[in-house]
Every structure is written in structure tokens, then in C-alpha cells.
Amino acid sequence: MSRTHILTSPAYVLPVRLGALLIGLLAVLPVDTVQAYEVRFPSGGRSIQLDGNRLEADWQQSSLAEKRVLAPYLVDFAAHEHPASQPEVLALLRAESDAFLRDYTLVASVYFGKTDPAARSRDFSALMNTHRRVNTRVDLLAYHRAVENIRAGGTPASQDLLRICRFPEQEISCRLARLWRQVDVVQSAAKITAADLQAIVLAARPLIQRDNGRPAFYPTIARDLPDRLHALGLPLEAAILTERITHDRTDTLSVHM
């Protein structure tokens, strides 16, 4: 069956395209409260505004589980939105005894020390070699090397992006990595079926619904996905994902734990 036939067949159009249309309607609804880079925790309704003014106070009031969620957002925020907060973020991470948070000091040192993505990628590779006996640390470094390879215009191995899935607190980033992997698999297949495309739509759904939040480093990791989705015959999903990447810099981030 040809790809054109798949995309126009009722078996594909009705369950998949109508579902995607509903997602699209959700995505373009006005946001009640528009704030800059807010991380909201569903339990207790607590939120943290990453504006550089209360980073230390909010960090100290967070539980260990919340800190593990917050760490990549703090690094992303300080590296790409608010460079003046870099010394504070690095100090907060260095003061922690938790292994994951201490490992993020390595990640932060690369992001804060270099701005060129190729240079960052090389630094992550060097750190991976230095810490090769600590598997979880290497997983984290490999993931961020993949992120910087994307930023540099390259195509990283999807298995490196999937390494973030080994950290339970990074579920939303894991979802994005799984979508990337799903697109990789389908694009490389000799034959693409309606089931393949529907699987991509289902994988994309959590990432294009506003109430599911947005991963740290989202604009970088998801940057090429709209073009890839469009090439697979999913222009609506591509358009919604583009809207989330470009518009959500000022939207509320909801982090699910």
C-alpha cells in the first residue's frame, strides 16, 4: 500500500486526524496566565518562577524529588535565558550531596563554560571518557552531548537521547526522546503503514498538549521534528509542534512528577 493511500484512507483519517485536530484545538486555546519560564508542580499547586530573583529560596524550599526535576530547567534557564544566574545555579548544585544533582554540576559547567554547541559536544565527550566507569553519569553526559549535536545542526544517535529515560524524574524529556526514536524508526522503514503513523501521533500527543508541560532544552531537541513529521505526511502535528516550540517560551511550564 502506498503512503498516499495510507494517508487518505478512512481507517487512518478518522481515528488519527480527528484526534490530532482535537489536540490542535487545545493547543491554540488562550492561556489564562502567561508567565516567563514557570515550573509548576501539580502536587499542592506549588510553582516556581525561574526569573533569577528567587532561585536560591525556591531551591531550598524544594524536596529532593523536586530538585531532581528542576536541575535541567535551571541549567537551561541559566545557560540560555538568564546568564547572570549561572554562578548561583552552579553553587546550588555543588552544595547538594545527591548523586544526580552533583552530576548536573558537570553538565552545568559545560553549558556555562562554552556557548558553541560543537565545543560543548566535545567537552561532553571528554567528560564521558573521564567518568566512563560511572554509568549513570555517562548516560547524562551522553544525553546532553546529543542535545548539543542537534543544536550544532547534526543528527545524534537516538539511543543517546533515550538515555534520559533512565532517570525517572525526567519523564517528560523521556517522552520527547521516544518520539524522536519513533520518527527515526519510521523514516528508515522500507514500508510505512498507517499503524506506524498513528504510533507517531500517539507519541507526540503528550508533547503538543499544553497541560503536559515542556521538557528542558525543548526548542533545541524538537527543532527538526516538525520538518520530519511534515515529510511523513503529518502536517497538522508538525504545525502544532512548531507552535509549541516558538510560542511556549512565554507559556507556563507544568512539570509532572
Protein backbone atom coordinates (compact mmCIF):
# COMPACT_ATOMS: atom_id res chain seq x y z
CA MET A 1 0.00 0.00 0.00
CA SER A 2 1.41 3.40 -0.94
CA ARG A 3 1.96 6.15 1.60
CA THR A 4 -0.55 8.36 -0.22
CA HIS A 5 -3.19 5.66 0.03
CA ILE A 6 -2.49 5.21 3.73
CA LEU A 7 -2.79 8.91 4.47
CA THR A 8 -6.10 9.25 2.64
CA SER A 9 -7.74 6.04 3.77
CA PRO A 10 -10.69 6.36 6.21
CA ALA A 11 -9.04 3.89 8.57
CA TYR A 12 -6.24 6.39 9.07
CA VAL A 13 -8.02 9.70 8.60
CA LEU A 14 -10.86 9.23 11.09
CA PRO A 15 -9.13 7.94 14.23
CA VAL A 16 -5.86 9.79 13.78
CA ARG A 17 -6.55 13.08 12.03
CA LEU A 18 -9.64 13.89 14.08
CA GLY A 19 -7.75 13.09 17.25
CA ALA A 20 -4.93 15.36 16.13
CA LEU A 21 -7.43 18.10 15.33
CA LEU A 22 -8.73 17.97 18.90
CA ILE A 23 -5.17 18.32 20.15
CA GLY A 24 -4.73 21.29 17.83
CA LEU A 25 -7.78 22.99 19.26
CA LEU A 26 -6.38 22.54 22.75
CA ALA A 27 -3.04 23.93 21.66
CA VAL A 28 -4.41 27.21 20.33
CA LEU A 29 -6.72 28.00 23.22
CA PRO A 30 -5.65 31.19 25.01
CA VAL A 31 -3.55 30.72 28.12
CA ASP A 32 -5.12 32.23 31.24
CA THR A 33 -1.84 33.15 32.87
CA VAL A 34 1.18 33.87 30.72
CA GLN A 35 4.42 33.93 32.67
CA ALA A 36 8.06 33.50 31.77
CA TYR A 37 9.51 30.06 32.39
CA GLU A 38 7.42 28.95 35.32
CA VAL A 39 7.77 25.41 36.63
CA ARG A 40 4.54 24.28 38.25
CA PHE A 41 4.29 21.19 40.42
CA PRO A 42 0.86 19.54 40.38
CA SER A 43 1.02 18.31 43.96
CA GLY A 44 -0.12 21.12 46.24
CA GLY A 45 -0.35 23.60 43.37
CA ARG A 46 3.13 24.98 44.06
CA SER A 47 5.01 26.72 41.28
CA ILE A 48 8.47 28.17 40.82
CA GLN A 49 9.10 31.23 38.70
CA LEU A 50 12.51 31.00 37.08
CA ASP A 51 13.15 34.71 36.76
CA GLY A 52 16.51 34.89 38.53
CA ASN A 53 15.20 36.67 41.64
CA ARG A 54 14.27 33.79 43.95
CA LEU A 55 16.27 30.86 42.66
CA GLU A 56 18.04 30.07 45.92
CA ALA A 57 14.94 30.46 48.11
CA ASP A 58 12.79 28.33 45.82
CA TRP A 59 15.52 25.72 45.51
CA GLN A 60 15.94 25.39 49.27
CA GLN A 61 12.17 25.01 49.71
CA SER A 62 12.05 22.15 47.20
CA SER A 63 12.10 18.47 48.07
CA LEU A 64 14.85 16.23 46.72
CA ALA A 65 12.48 14.80 44.09
CA GLU A 66 11.55 18.33 43.01
CA LYS A 67 15.20 19.34 42.81
CA ARG A 68 15.90 16.40 40.52
CA VAL A 69 13.14 17.64 38.24
CA LEU A 70 14.29 21.25 38.45
CA ALA A 71 18.00 20.73 37.78
CA PRO A 72 17.86 20.59 33.95
CA TYR A 73 15.43 23.52 33.84
CA LEU A 74 17.76 25.62 35.99
CA VAL A 75 20.72 24.80 33.76
CA ASP A 76 18.74 25.52 30.58
CA PHE A 77 17.41 28.77 32.07
CA ALA A 78 20.80 29.99 33.25
CA ALA A 79 22.61 28.95 30.07
CA HIS A 80 20.17 30.35 27.53
CA GLU A 81 17.77 32.78 29.25
CA HIS A 82 19.49 34.38 32.24
CA PRO A 83 23.31 34.08 32.15
CA ALA A 84 23.68 36.28 35.23
CA SER A 85 22.27 33.44 37.33
CA GLN A 86 24.94 30.93 36.27
CA PRO A 87 27.19 31.30 39.37
CA GLU A 88 24.17 30.92 41.65
CA VAL A 89 22.86 27.83 39.86
CA LEU A 90 26.30 26.21 39.90
CA ALA A 91 26.67 26.92 43.62
CA LEU A 92 23.24 25.43 44.37
CA LEU A 93 24.09 22.22 42.52
CA ARG A 94 27.54 21.91 44.08
CA ALA A 95 26.06 22.18 47.57
CA GLU A 96 23.95 19.05 47.07
CA SER A 97 25.02 15.54 48.11
CA ASP A 98 22.59 13.71 45.80
CA ALA A 99 24.48 11.93 43.01
CA PHE A 100 22.16 13.09 40.22
CA LEU A 101 22.38 16.73 41.30
CA ARG A 102 26.15 16.53 41.69
CA ASP A 103 26.37 15.04 38.20
CA TYR A 104 24.44 18.04 36.94
CA THR A 105 27.27 20.27 38.13
CA LEU A 106 29.32 18.68 35.34
CA VAL A 107 26.55 19.39 32.85
CA ALA A 108 26.23 22.97 34.10
CA SER A 109 29.98 23.57 33.90
CA VAL A 110 29.94 22.69 30.20
CA TYR A 111 26.91 24.83 29.40
CA PHE A 112 28.18 27.78 31.39
CA GLY A 113 31.76 27.47 30.18
CA LYS A 114 31.07 27.35 26.43
CA THR A 115 28.42 28.76 24.12
CA ASP A 116 29.44 26.99 20.91
CA PRO A 117 27.46 23.73 20.62
CA ALA A 118 30.30 21.89 18.87
CA ALA A 119 32.68 22.85 21.69
CA ARG A 120 30.12 21.75 24.26
CA SER A 121 29.73 18.43 22.47
CA ARG A 122 33.49 17.86 22.58
CA ASP A 123 33.57 18.71 26.28
CA PHE A 124 30.77 16.26 26.99
CA SER A 125 32.68 13.56 25.08
CA ALA A 126 35.81 14.26 27.12
CA LEU A 127 33.85 14.05 30.37
CA MET A 128 32.27 10.79 29.24
CA ASN A 129 35.74 9.34 28.80
CA THR A 130 36.89 10.64 32.18
CA HIS A 131 33.85 9.26 34.01
CA ARG A 132 33.32 6.14 31.90
CA ARG A 133 33.10 3.88 34.96
CA VAL A 134 30.07 5.74 36.35
CA ASN A 135 27.25 4.55 34.09
CA THR A 136 24.52 6.96 35.18
CA ARG A 137 26.87 9.92 34.86
CA VAL A 138 27.86 8.82 31.36
CA ASP A 139 24.17 8.46 30.46
CA LEU A 140 23.52 12.05 31.49
CA LEU A 141 26.57 13.37 29.65
CA ALA A 142 25.72 11.40 26.50
CA TYR A 143 22.19 12.79 26.52
CA HIS A 144 23.43 16.37 26.70
CA ARG A 145 26.06 15.69 24.05
CA ALA A 146 23.20 14.58 21.80
CA VAL A 147 21.30 17.78 22.61
CA GLU A 148 24.30 19.90 21.61
CA ASN A 149 24.80 17.85 18.44
CA ILE A 150 21.24 18.80 17.50
CA ARG A 151 21.96 22.44 18.32
CA ALA A 152 25.03 22.26 16.07
CA GLY A 153 22.88 21.04 13.19
CA GLY A 154 23.78 17.38 13.41
CA THR A 155 21.70 14.24 13.84
CA PRO A 156 22.55 12.44 17.07
CA ALA A 157 22.05 8.76 17.70
CA SER A 158 18.54 8.41 19.09
CA GLN A 159 19.80 5.88 21.64
CA ASP A 160 21.81 8.67 23.26
CA LEU A 161 18.68 10.78 23.64
CA LEU A 162 16.92 7.76 25.13
CA ARG A 163 19.48 7.60 27.95
CA ILE A 164 17.47 10.30 29.73
CA CYS A 165 14.76 7.66 30.24
CA ARG A 166 16.96 6.01 32.86
CA PHE A 167 16.14 8.88 35.23
CA PRO A 168 12.52 8.61 36.47
CA GLU A 169 12.21 12.33 37.29
CA GLN A 170 12.90 13.20 33.64
CA GLU A 171 9.74 11.58 32.29
CA ILE A 172 8.70 14.46 30.02
CA SER A 173 12.18 14.56 28.44
CA CYS A 174 11.97 10.80 28.01
CA ARG A 175 8.71 11.22 26.09
CA LEU A 176 10.40 13.61 23.69
CA ALA A 177 13.32 11.19 23.22
CA ARG A 178 10.89 8.37 22.49
CA LEU A 179 9.11 10.48 19.88
CA TRP A 180 12.47 11.23 18.25
CA ARG A 181 13.24 7.49 18.22
CA GLN A 182 9.81 6.61 16.82
CA VAL A 183 10.26 9.07 13.96
CA ASP A 184 13.74 7.65 13.29
CA VAL A 185 12.38 4.11 13.06
CA VAL A 186 9.51 5.02 10.75
CA GLN A 187 11.61 7.20 8.45
CA SER A 188 14.13 4.40 7.98
CA ALA A 189 11.49 1.73 7.30
CA ALA A 190 11.16 0.31 3.80
CA LYS A 191 7.38 0.43 4.10
CA ILE A 192 5.35 2.87 6.20
CA THR A 193 1.95 1.75 7.44
CA ALA A 194 -0.99 3.62 8.92
CA ALA A 195 -0.17 1.97 12.24
CA ASP A 196 3.34 3.46 12.09
CA LEU A 197 1.97 6.96 11.60
CA GLN A 198 -0.66 6.54 14.27
CA ALA A 199 2.07 5.45 16.70
CA ILE A 200 3.93 8.70 15.98
CA VAL A 201 0.78 10.75 16.59
CA LEU A 202 0.21 8.99 19.91
CA ALA A 203 3.84 9.53 20.90
CA ALA A 204 3.59 13.22 20.00
CA ARG A 205 0.33 13.82 21.84
CA PRO A 206 1.79 14.41 25.34
CA LEU A 207 4.23 16.94 23.88
CA ILE A 208 1.72 19.03 21.94
CA GLN A 209 -0.85 19.33 24.69
CA ARG A 210 -0.22 22.38 26.82
CA ASP A 211 -1.19 20.83 30.13
CA ASN A 212 1.60 18.25 29.88
CA GLY A 213 4.36 20.81 30.12
CA ARG A 214 7.55 21.09 28.14
CA PRO A 215 10.92 19.42 28.65
CA ALA A 216 14.04 21.39 29.42
CA PHE A 217 16.01 22.19 26.25
CA TYR A 218 12.76 21.60 24.34
CA PRO A 219 13.24 24.12 21.47
CA THR A 220 16.61 22.58 20.64
CA ILE A 221 15.65 18.91 20.81
CA ALA A 222 12.34 19.35 18.99
CA ARG A 223 13.63 21.82 16.40
CA ASP A 224 13.88 19.36 13.49
CA LEU A 225 10.84 17.28 14.39
CA PRO A 226 8.24 19.47 12.63
CA ASP A 227 10.01 19.08 9.27
CA ARG A 228 10.36 15.35 9.82
CA LEU A 229 6.69 14.98 10.74
CA HIS A 230 5.68 17.00 7.68
CA ALA A 231 7.80 14.75 5.48
CA LEU A 232 5.94 11.74 6.86
CA GLY A 233 2.60 13.26 5.87
CA LEU A 234 1.67 14.69 9.27
CA PRO A 235 1.47 18.45 8.57
CA LEU A 236 -1.04 19.23 11.31
CA GLU A 237 1.07 17.64 14.03
CA ALA A 238 4.12 19.41 12.58
CA ALA A 239 2.34 22.77 12.75
CA ILE A 240 1.20 22.24 16.34
CA LEU A 241 4.67 21.21 17.44
CA THR A 242 6.12 24.28 15.74
CA GLU A 243 3.64 26.46 17.61
CA ARG A 244 4.67 24.93 20.91
CA ILE A 245 8.37 25.38 20.20
CA THR A 246 8.10 29.02 19.14
CA HIS A 247 5.24 30.24 21.33
CA ASP A 248 5.87 28.45 24.60
CA ARG A 249 8.90 30.49 25.58
CA THR A 250 6.39 32.64 27.50
CA ASP A 251 3.93 29.93 28.49
CA THR A 252 3.56 28.18 31.78
CA LEU A 253 5.64 25.04 32.19
CA SER A 254 3.89 22.26 34.06
CA VAL A 255 6.29 19.61 35.28
CA HIS A 256 4.65 16.30 36.13
CA MET A 257 6.31 14.21 38.79
